[in-house]
């Protein structure tokens, strides 16, 4: 699905954002990379599923 370099880049980008910008980024990336599945984003990237939704 995603290689480790891309995972690390996405995690680092999300860490640098706060509030609604962070949630917007996480949601958009989940749509693009995981077909909108918050569960996949939670499992693969460790992101909080309710924040992604």
N, C-alpha and C. Protein backbone atom coordinates (compact mmCIF):
# COMPACT_ATOMS: atom_id res chain seq x y z
N UNK A 1 0.85 -1.18 0.00
CA UNK A 1 0.00 0.00 0.00
C UNK A 1 0.90 1.25 0.00
N UNK A 2 1.45 1.63 1.13
CA UNK A 2 2.36 2.77 1.22
C UNK A 2 3.70 2.29 1.76
N UNK A 3 4.78 2.80 1.15
CA UNK A 3 6.07 2.38 1.69
C UNK A 3 6.40 3.20 2.94
N UNK A 4 7.40 2.77 3.67
CA UNK A 4 7.73 3.38 4.97
C UNK A 4 8.10 4.85 4.88
N UNK A 5 8.77 5.25 3.79
CA UNK A 5 9.15 6.64 3.63
C UNK A 5 7.93 7.53 3.52
N UNK A 6 6.95 7.11 2.77
CA UNK A 6 5.72 7.89 2.61
C UNK A 6 4.95 7.93 3.92
N UNK A 7 4.87 6.82 4.62
CA UNK A 7 4.19 6.79 5.92
C UNK A 7 4.83 7.79 6.88
N UNK A 8 6.15 7.79 6.94
CA UNK A 8 6.87 8.69 7.83
C UNK A 8 6.62 10.15 7.44
N UNK A 9 6.63 10.44 6.16
CA UNK A 9 6.38 11.80 5.68
C UNK A 9 4.98 12.27 6.06
N UNK A 10 3.98 11.42 5.90
CA UNK A 10 2.61 11.78 6.24
C UNK A 10 2.45 12.01 7.74
N UNK A 11 3.06 11.14 8.54
CA UNK A 11 3.00 11.30 9.99
C UNK A 11 3.66 12.60 10.43
N UNK A 12 4.82 12.91 9.86
CA UNK A 12 5.53 14.14 10.22
C UNK A 12 4.74 15.37 9.81
N UNK A 13 4.13 15.33 8.65
CA UNK A 13 3.32 16.47 8.19
C UNK A 13 2.14 16.69 9.13
N UNK A 14 1.48 15.62 9.53
CA UNK A 14 0.33 15.74 10.43
C UNK A 14 0.75 16.29 11.80
N UNK A 15 1.93 15.91 12.27
CA UNK A 15 2.42 16.39 13.57
C UNK A 15 2.65 17.89 13.57
N UNK A 16 3.00 18.45 12.41
CA UNK A 16 3.32 19.87 12.33
C UNK A 16 2.08 20.75 12.23
N UNK A 17 0.94 20.13 11.98
CA UNK A 17 -0.31 20.88 11.89
C UNK A 17 -1.08 20.79 13.20
N UNK A 18 -2.03 21.71 13.39
CA UNK A 18 -2.86 21.67 14.58
C UNK A 18 -4.31 21.96 14.20
N UNK A 19 -5.21 21.59 15.09
CA UNK A 19 -6.63 21.92 14.95
C UNK A 19 -7.27 21.43 13.68
N UNK A 20 -8.11 22.30 13.09
CA UNK A 20 -8.86 21.88 11.91
C UNK A 20 -7.96 21.63 10.71
N UNK A 21 -6.82 22.31 10.64
CA UNK A 21 -5.91 22.06 9.51
C UNK A 21 -5.36 20.64 9.56
N UNK A 22 -5.06 20.17 10.76
CA UNK A 22 -4.57 18.80 10.93
C UNK A 22 -5.65 17.79 10.55
N UNK A 23 -6.87 18.01 11.04
CA UNK A 23 -7.97 17.09 10.72
C UNK A 23 -8.29 17.10 9.23
N UNK A 24 -8.25 18.28 8.61
CA UNK A 24 -8.48 18.38 7.17
C UNK A 24 -7.42 17.60 6.38
N UNK A 25 -6.15 17.77 6.79
CA UNK A 25 -5.06 17.05 6.13
C UNK A 25 -5.24 15.55 6.27
N UNK A 26 -5.54 15.11 7.48
CA UNK A 26 -5.70 13.68 7.74
C UNK A 26 -6.87 13.11 6.93
N UNK A 27 -7.97 13.84 6.88
CA UNK A 27 -9.14 13.37 6.14
C UNK A 27 -8.86 13.30 4.64
N UNK A 28 -8.21 14.33 4.09
CA UNK A 28 -7.89 14.34 2.66
C UNK A 28 -6.93 13.22 2.31
N UNK A 29 -5.92 13.02 3.13
CA UNK A 29 -4.97 11.95 2.86
C UNK A 29 -5.64 10.58 2.96
N UNK A 30 -6.56 10.43 3.90
CA UNK A 30 -7.29 9.17 4.04
C UNK A 30 -8.13 8.90 2.79
N UNK A 31 -8.76 9.94 2.26
CA UNK A 31 -9.53 9.78 1.03
C UNK A 31 -8.62 9.36 -0.13
N UNK A 32 -7.47 10.01 -0.24
CA UNK A 32 -6.56 9.74 -1.35
C UNK A 32 -5.83 8.41 -1.24
N UNK A 33 -5.37 8.08 -0.04
CA UNK A 33 -4.50 6.91 0.12
C UNK A 33 -5.20 5.64 0.56
N UNK A 34 -6.34 5.78 1.23
CA UNK A 34 -6.99 4.61 1.82
C UNK A 34 -8.45 4.48 1.41
N UNK A 35 -8.82 5.05 0.27
CA UNK A 35 -10.19 4.97 -0.23
C UNK A 35 -11.20 5.45 0.80
N UNK A 36 -10.82 6.42 1.61
CA UNK A 36 -11.73 6.99 2.60
C UNK A 36 -11.93 6.15 3.85
N UNK A 37 -11.15 5.10 4.03
CA UNK A 37 -11.31 4.22 5.19
C UNK A 37 -10.51 4.74 6.39
N UNK A 38 -11.23 5.31 7.35
CA UNK A 38 -10.58 5.80 8.56
C UNK A 38 -9.95 4.65 9.34
N UNK A 39 -10.53 3.49 9.25
CA UNK A 39 -9.98 2.32 9.95
C UNK A 39 -8.59 1.96 9.40
N UNK A 40 -8.43 2.03 8.07
CA UNK A 40 -7.12 1.74 7.47
C UNK A 40 -6.10 2.79 7.90
N UNK A 41 -6.50 4.07 7.91
CA UNK A 41 -5.58 5.13 8.33
C UNK A 41 -5.17 4.94 9.79
N UNK A 42 -6.12 4.51 10.61
CA UNK A 42 -5.81 4.26 12.01
C UNK A 42 -4.82 3.10 12.14
N UNK A 43 -5.05 2.04 11.41
CA UNK A 43 -4.19 0.85 11.50
C UNK A 43 -2.80 1.11 10.94
N UNK A 44 -2.73 1.76 9.79
CA UNK A 44 -1.45 1.91 9.10
C UNK A 44 -0.64 3.10 9.61
N UNK A 45 -1.31 4.23 9.88
CA UNK A 45 -0.59 5.43 10.28
C UNK A 45 -0.71 5.75 11.77
N UNK A 46 -1.61 5.06 12.45
CA UNK A 46 -1.79 5.31 13.87
C UNK A 46 -2.61 6.54 14.18
N UNK A 47 -3.33 7.05 13.20
CA UNK A 47 -4.14 8.25 13.40
C UNK A 47 -5.44 7.88 14.10
N UNK A 48 -5.95 8.78 14.91
CA UNK A 48 -7.19 8.59 15.64
C UNK A 48 -8.38 8.57 14.66
N UNK A 49 -9.09 7.47 14.65
CA UNK A 49 -10.18 7.30 13.69
C UNK A 49 -11.23 8.40 13.76
N UNK A 50 -11.71 8.81 14.95
CA UNK A 50 -12.69 9.90 14.99
C UNK A 50 -12.16 11.22 14.41
N UNK A 51 -10.88 11.48 14.58
CA UNK A 51 -10.30 12.71 14.01
C UNK A 51 -10.30 12.65 12.49
N UNK A 52 -10.04 11.48 11.95
CA UNK A 52 -10.01 11.32 10.50
C UNK A 52 -11.42 11.43 9.92
N UNK A 53 -12.38 10.88 10.63
CA UNK A 53 -13.75 10.90 10.13
C UNK A 53 -14.27 12.31 10.13
